[in-house]
C-alpha atoms as a PDB file:
ATOM      1  CA  MET A   1     320.976  78.257 134.693  1.00  0.00           C
ATOM      2  CA  ALA A   2     317.706  79.267 136.345  1.00  0.00           C
ATOM      3  CA  THR A   3     315.812  82.338 135.179  1.00  0.00           C
ATOM      4  CA  LEU A   4     315.257  85.386 137.375  1.00  0.00           C
ATOM      5  CA  GLY A   5     311.636  84.328 137.910  1.00  0.00           C
ATOM      6  CA  GLU A   6     312.691  80.827 138.948  1.00  0.00           C
ATOM      7  CA  ARG A   7     315.161  82.297 141.452  1.00  0.00           C
ATOM      8  CA  ILE A   8     312.478  84.561 142.936  1.00  0.00           C
ATOM      9  CA  ASP A   9     310.143  81.560 143.176  1.00  0.00           C
ATOM     10  CA  ALA A  10     312.901  79.500 144.845  1.00  0.00           C
ATOM     11  CA  ALA A  11     313.503  82.307 147.364  1.00  0.00           C
ATOM     12  CA  LEU A  12     309.785  82.386 148.183  1.00  0.00           C
ATOM     13  CA  ASP A  13     309.796  78.615 148.665  1.00  0.00           C
ATOM     14  CA  ALA A  14     312.884  78.829 150.878  1.00  0.00           C
ATOM     15  CA  ARG A  15     311.053  81.248 153.184  1.00  0.00           C
ATOM     16  CA  GLY A  16     307.872  79.200 153.030  1.00  0.00           C
ATOM     17  CA  TRP A  17     305.984  82.157 151.575  1.00  0.00           C
ATOM     18  CA  THR A  18     303.316  82.409 148.947  1.00  0.00           C
ATOM     19  CA  GLN A  19     303.162  85.452 146.683  1.00  0.00           C
ATOM     20  CA  ALA A  20     300.415  86.818 148.935  1.00  0.00           C
ATOM     21  CA  ASP A  21     302.705  86.477 151.989  1.00  0.00           C
ATOM     22  CA  ALA A  22     305.477  88.356 150.183  1.00  0.00           C
ATOM     23  CA  LEU A  23     303.084  91.116 149.094  1.00  0.00           C
ATOM     24  CA  ARG A  24     301.716  91.506 152.613  1.00  0.00           C
ATOM     25  CA  GLU A  25     305.232  91.765 154.025  1.00  0.00           C
ATOM     26  CA  SER A  26     306.237  94.213 151.268  1.00  0.00           C
ATOM     27  CA  ARG A  27     303.248  96.421 152.077  1.00  0.00           C
ATOM     28  CA  ASP A  28     304.012  96.325 155.807  1.00  0.00           C
ATOM     29  CA  ARG A  29     307.618  97.327 155.183  1.00  0.00           C
ATOM     30  CA  GLY A  30     306.661  99.954 152.598  1.00  0.00           C
ATOM     31  CA  TYR A  31     308.627  98.435 149.701  1.00  0.00           C
ATOM     32  CA  GLY A  32     305.921  99.152 147.125  1.00  0.00           C
ATOM     33  CA  ILE A  33     306.037  95.784 145.364  1.00  0.00           C
ATOM     34  CA  THR A  34     302.637  95.108 143.785  1.00  0.00           C
ATOM     35  CA  SER A  35     300.934  91.880 142.811  1.00  0.00           C
ATOM     36  CA  SER A  36     301.298  92.568 139.091  1.00  0.00           C
ATOM     37  CA  MET A  37     305.005  93.369 139.482  1.00  0.00           C
ATOM     38  CA  LEU A  38     305.713  90.154 141.363  1.00  0.00           C
ATOM     39  CA  SER A  39     303.690  88.061 138.914  1.00  0.00           C
ATOM     40  CA  LYS A  40     305.542  89.558 135.933  1.00  0.00           C
ATOM     41  CA  TRP A  41     308.919  88.989 137.577  1.00  0.00           C
ATOM     42  CA  ILE A  42     308.156  85.367 138.454  1.00  0.00           C
ATOM     43  CA  GLY A  43     306.743  84.773 134.976  1.00  0.00           C
ATOM     44  CA  ASP A  44     309.876  86.349 133.419  1.00  0.00           C
ATOM     45  CA  LYS A  45     307.704  88.896 131.610  1.00  0.00           C
ATOM     46  CA  ALA A  46     309.494  91.862 133.200  1.00  0.00           C
ATOM     47  CA  LYS A  47     312.590  92.609 135.269  1.00  0.00           C
ATOM     48  CA  PRO A  48     312.735  94.708 138.432  1.00  0.00           C
ATOM     49  CA  SER A  49     314.470  98.079 138.422  1.00  0.00           C
ATOM     50  CA  ALA A  50     317.565  98.587 140.563  1.00  0.00           C
ATOM     51  CA  ASP A  51     315.512  99.977 143.471  1.00  0.00           C
ATOM     52  CA  GLN A  52     312.988  97.165 143.148  1.00  0.00           C
ATOM     53  CA  THR A  53     315.802  94.594 143.086  1.00  0.00           C
ATOM     54  CA  VAL A  54     317.234  95.983 146.327  1.00  0.00           C
ATOM     55  CA  ALA A  55     313.773  95.950 147.933  1.00  0.00           C
ATOM     56  CA  LEU A  56     313.107  92.403 146.705  1.00  0.00           C
ATOM     57  CA  CYS A  57     316.460  91.157 148.046  1.00  0.00           C
ATOM     58  CA  ARG A  58     315.813  92.798 151.413  1.00  0.00           C
ATOM     59  CA  LEU A  59     312.291  91.419 151.510  1.00  0.00           C
ATOM     60  CA  LEU A  60     313.356  87.846 150.729  1.00  0.00           C
ATOM     61  CA  GLY A  61     316.689  88.016 152.564  1.00  0.00           C
ATOM     62  CA  ILE A  62     318.644  86.961 149.467  1.00  0.00           C
ATOM     63  CA  SER A  63     321.838  88.040 147.770  1.00  0.00           C
ATOM     64  CA  ALA A  64     321.422  90.476 144.874  1.00  0.00           C
ATOM     65  CA  HIS A  65     324.403  88.793 143.213  1.00  0.00           C
ATOM     66  CA  TRP A  66     322.599  85.441 143.311  1.00  0.00           C
ATOM     67  CA  LEU A  67     319.281  86.926 142.193  1.00  0.00           C
ATOM     68  CA  LEU A  68     320.714  88.779 139.210  1.00  0.00           C
ATOM     69  CA  LEU A  69     323.521  86.475 138.099  1.00  0.00           C
ATOM     70  CA  ASP A  70     322.687  83.067 139.613  1.00  0.00           C
ATOM     71  CA  GLU A  71     326.165  82.971 141.139  1.00  0.00           C
ATOM     72  CA  GLY A  72     327.132  82.350 144.728  1.00  0.00           C
ATOM     73  CA  GLY A  73     324.638  81.375 147.375  1.00  0.00           C
ATOM     74  CA  MET A  74     321.048  82.466 147.775  1.00  0.00           C
ATOM     75  CA  ASN A  75     321.718  83.918 151.209  1.00  0.00           C
ATOM     76  CA  PRO A  76     324.207  86.751 151.443  1.00  0.00           C
ATOM     77  CA  PRO A  77     327.279  85.992 153.532  1.00  0.00           C
ATOM     78  CA  GLY A  78     326.533  87.399 156.966  1.00  0.00           C
ATOM     79  CA  GLN A  79     323.499  89.158 155.451  1.00  0.00           C
ATOM     80  CA  ALA A  80     324.219  91.815 152.877  1.00  0.00           C
ATOM     81  CA  VAL A  81     325.163  95.200 154.202  1.00  0.00           C
ATOM     82  CA  LEU A  82     323.686  97.858 151.953  1.00  0.00           C
ATOM     83  CA  GLU A  83     325.525 101.031 151.245  1.00  0.00           C
ATOM     84  CA  PRO A  84     324.452 103.620 153.838  1.00  0.00           C
ATOM     85  CA  TYR A  85     322.916 105.932 151.229  1.00  0.00           C
ATOM     86  CA  VAL A  86     320.863 103.061 149.750  1.00  0.00           C
ATOM     87  CA  GLN A  87     319.687 102.084 153.225  1.00  0.00           C
ATOM     88  CA  ALA A  88     318.713 105.693 154.010  1.00  0.00           C
ATOM     89  CA  ARG A  89     316.927 106.090 150.673  1.00  0.00           C
ATOM     90  CA  LEU A  90     314.854 102.961 151.252  1.00  0.00           C
ATOM     91  CA  GLU A  91     313.927 104.073 154.751  1.00  0.00           C
ATOM     92  CA  VAL A  92     312.873 107.544 153.555  1.00  0.00           C
ATOM     93  CA  SER A  93     310.870 106.022 150.701  1.00  0.00           C
ATOM     94  CA  ALA A  94     309.133 103.651 153.088  1.00  0.00           C
ATOM     95  CA  GLU A  95     308.252 106.527 155.446  1.00  0.00           C
ATOM     96  CA  LEU A  96     306.909 108.673 152.598  1.00  0.00           C
ATOM     97  CA  ARG A  97     304.772 105.794 151.323  1.00  0.00           C
ATOM     98  CA  ARG A  98     303.446 105.257 154.856  1.00  0.00           C
ATOM     99  CA  GLN A  99     302.525 108.943 155.160  1.00  0.00           C
ATOM    100  CA  ILE A 100     300.864 108.977 151.745  1.00  0.00           C
ATOM    101  CA  ARG A 101     298.907 105.823 152.569  1.00  0.00           C
ATOM    102  CA  GLN A 102     297.827 107.388 155.886  1.00  0.00           C
ATOM    103  CA  GLY A 103     296.688 110.563 154.081  1.00  0.00           C
ATOM    104  CA  ILE A 104     294.718 108.542 151.548  1.00  0.00           C
ATOM    105  CA  ASP A 105     293.098 106.491 154.308  1.00  0.00           C
ATOM    106  CA  THR A 106     292.141 109.707 156.106  1.00  0.00           C
ATOM    107  CA  ALA A 107     290.695 111.194 152.926  1.00  0.00           C
ATOM    108  CA  LEU A 108     288.728 108.034 152.195  1.00  0.00           C
ATOM    109  CA  THR A 109     287.181 107.966 155.651  1.00  0.00           C
ATOM    110  CA  ALA A 110     286.236 111.676 155.590  1.00  0.00           C
ATOM    111  CA  PRO A 111     282.534 112.388 155.007  1.00  0.00           C
ATOM    112  CA  ALA A 112     281.454 112.911 151.414  1.00  0.00           C
ATOM    113  CA  ALA A 113     280.415 116.362 150.202  1.00  0.00           C
ATOM    114  CA  GLY A 114     277.000 117.279 151.517  1.00  0.00           C
ATOM    115  CA  GLN A 115     277.187 114.738 154.350  1.00  0.00           C
ATOM    116  CA  PRO A 116     277.146 116.010 157.919  1.00  0.00           C
ATOM    117  CA  VAL A 117     280.509 116.154 159.645  1.00  0.00           C
ATOM    118  CA  PRO A 118     280.410 114.508 163.074  1.00  0.00           C
ATOM    119  CA  GLY A 119     280.229 117.210 165.720  1.00  0.00           C
ATOM    120  CA  ALA A 120     279.462 119.992 163.247  1.00  0.00           C
ATOM    121  CA  GLY A 121     276.221 121.903 163.628  1.00  0.00           C
ATOM    122  CA  GLU A 122     275.989 121.140 167.312  1.00  0.00           C
ATOM    123  CA  PRO A 123     275.752 124.224 169.496  1.00  0.00           C
ATOM    124  CA  PRO A 124     279.022 125.085 171.194  1.00  0.00           C
ATOM    125  CA  ASN A 125     279.244 124.488 174.899  1.00  0.00           C
ATOM    126  CA  VAL A 126     278.885 128.160 175.930  1.00  0.00           C
ATOM    127  CA  PRO A 127     277.367 129.237 179.244  1.00  0.00           C
ATOM    128  CA  ARG A 128     274.097 131.166 178.948  1.00  0.00           C
ATOM    129  CA  ASP A 129     275.441 134.162 180.856  1.00  0.00           C
ATOM    130  CA  ALA A 130     278.458 134.617 178.523  1.00  0.00           C
ATOM    131  CA  PRO A 131     278.577 138.098 176.914  1.00  0.00           C
ATOM    132  CA  LYS A 132     277.430 138.316 173.327  1.00  0.00           C
ATOM    133  CA  LEU A 133     280.164 139.287 170.923  1.00  0.00           C
ATOM    134  CA  MET A 134     277.981 140.544 168.055  1.00  0.00           C
ATOM    135  CA  PRO A 135     275.341 143.287 168.213  1.00  0.00           C
ATOM    136  CA  LYS A 136     271.771 142.177 167.721  1.00  0.00           C
ATOM    137  CA  LYS A 137     271.431 143.975 164.399  1.00  0.00           C
ATOM    138  CA  VAL A 138     274.200 144.746 161.974  1.00  0.00           C
ATOM    139  CA  THR A 139     273.412 147.610 159.616  1.00  0.00           C
ATOM    140  CA  GLU A 140     275.122 148.456 156.360  1.00  0.00           C
ATOM    141  CA  PRO A 141     276.776 151.879 156.225  1.00  0.00           C
ATOM    142  CA  ARG A 142     274.724 154.491 154.390  1.00  0.00           C
ATOM    143  CA  VAL A 143     276.175 155.962 151.234  1.00  0.00           C
ATOM    144  CA  LEU A 144     275.037 159.495 150.461  1.00  0.00           C
ATOM    145  CA  PRO A 145     274.802 160.623 146.846  1.00  0.00           C
ATOM    146  CA  LEU A 146     277.182 163.331 145.682  1.00  0.00           C
ATOM    147  CA  ARG A 147     275.627 166.709 144.791  1.00  0.00           C
ATOM    148  CA  ARG A 148     276.624 168.434 141.605  1.00  0.00           C
ATOM    149  CA  LYS A 149     276.569 172.132 141.102  1.00  0.00           C
ATOM    150  CA  ARG A 150     274.125 173.290 138.494  1.00  0.00           C
ATOM    151  CA  GLY A 151     275.200 175.390 135.596  1.00  0.00           C
ATOM    152  CA  GLY A 152     278.646 173.844 135.324  1.00  0.00           C
ATOM    153  CA  LYS A 153     280.501 177.201 135.394  1.00  0.00           C
ATOM    154  CA  GLY A 154     281.990 178.735 138.445  1.00  0.00           C
ATOM    155  CA  LYS A 155     281.867 182.403 139.445  1.00  0.00           C
ATOM    156  CA  GLY A 156     284.503 184.516 138.246  1.00  0.00           C
END
């Protein structure tokens, strides 16, 4: 009986993929399989979680039954049909990962603190004859001191 790692390796060979090809495809599909995960699985140093197993089977186009139990054929009969809720969960996860990756990419390409932002600091495109919105000089309101009565006692 072949080990889980040997079955993953056989599935890669059957597709003609290297580990790098599988990782690239996983990233493009948003499955979240990393290089260290795949290496540990192939080396039988770790086992994928249930979600990772589903993603790996979808990625490699193999039967989960074959991958986990080494029974039946490598390829699912008529391609495995995932439960609708599993399918929806994977699609939502992939979309969230894509949005997070896009946000990180945006943050990484933003200018560093203290660096000029493109387009900032340039005068706005305002016609010279446009009315001015602020007065020329803004003055602070004057605060007058309160007067106290001397003597402290009222008439009476």
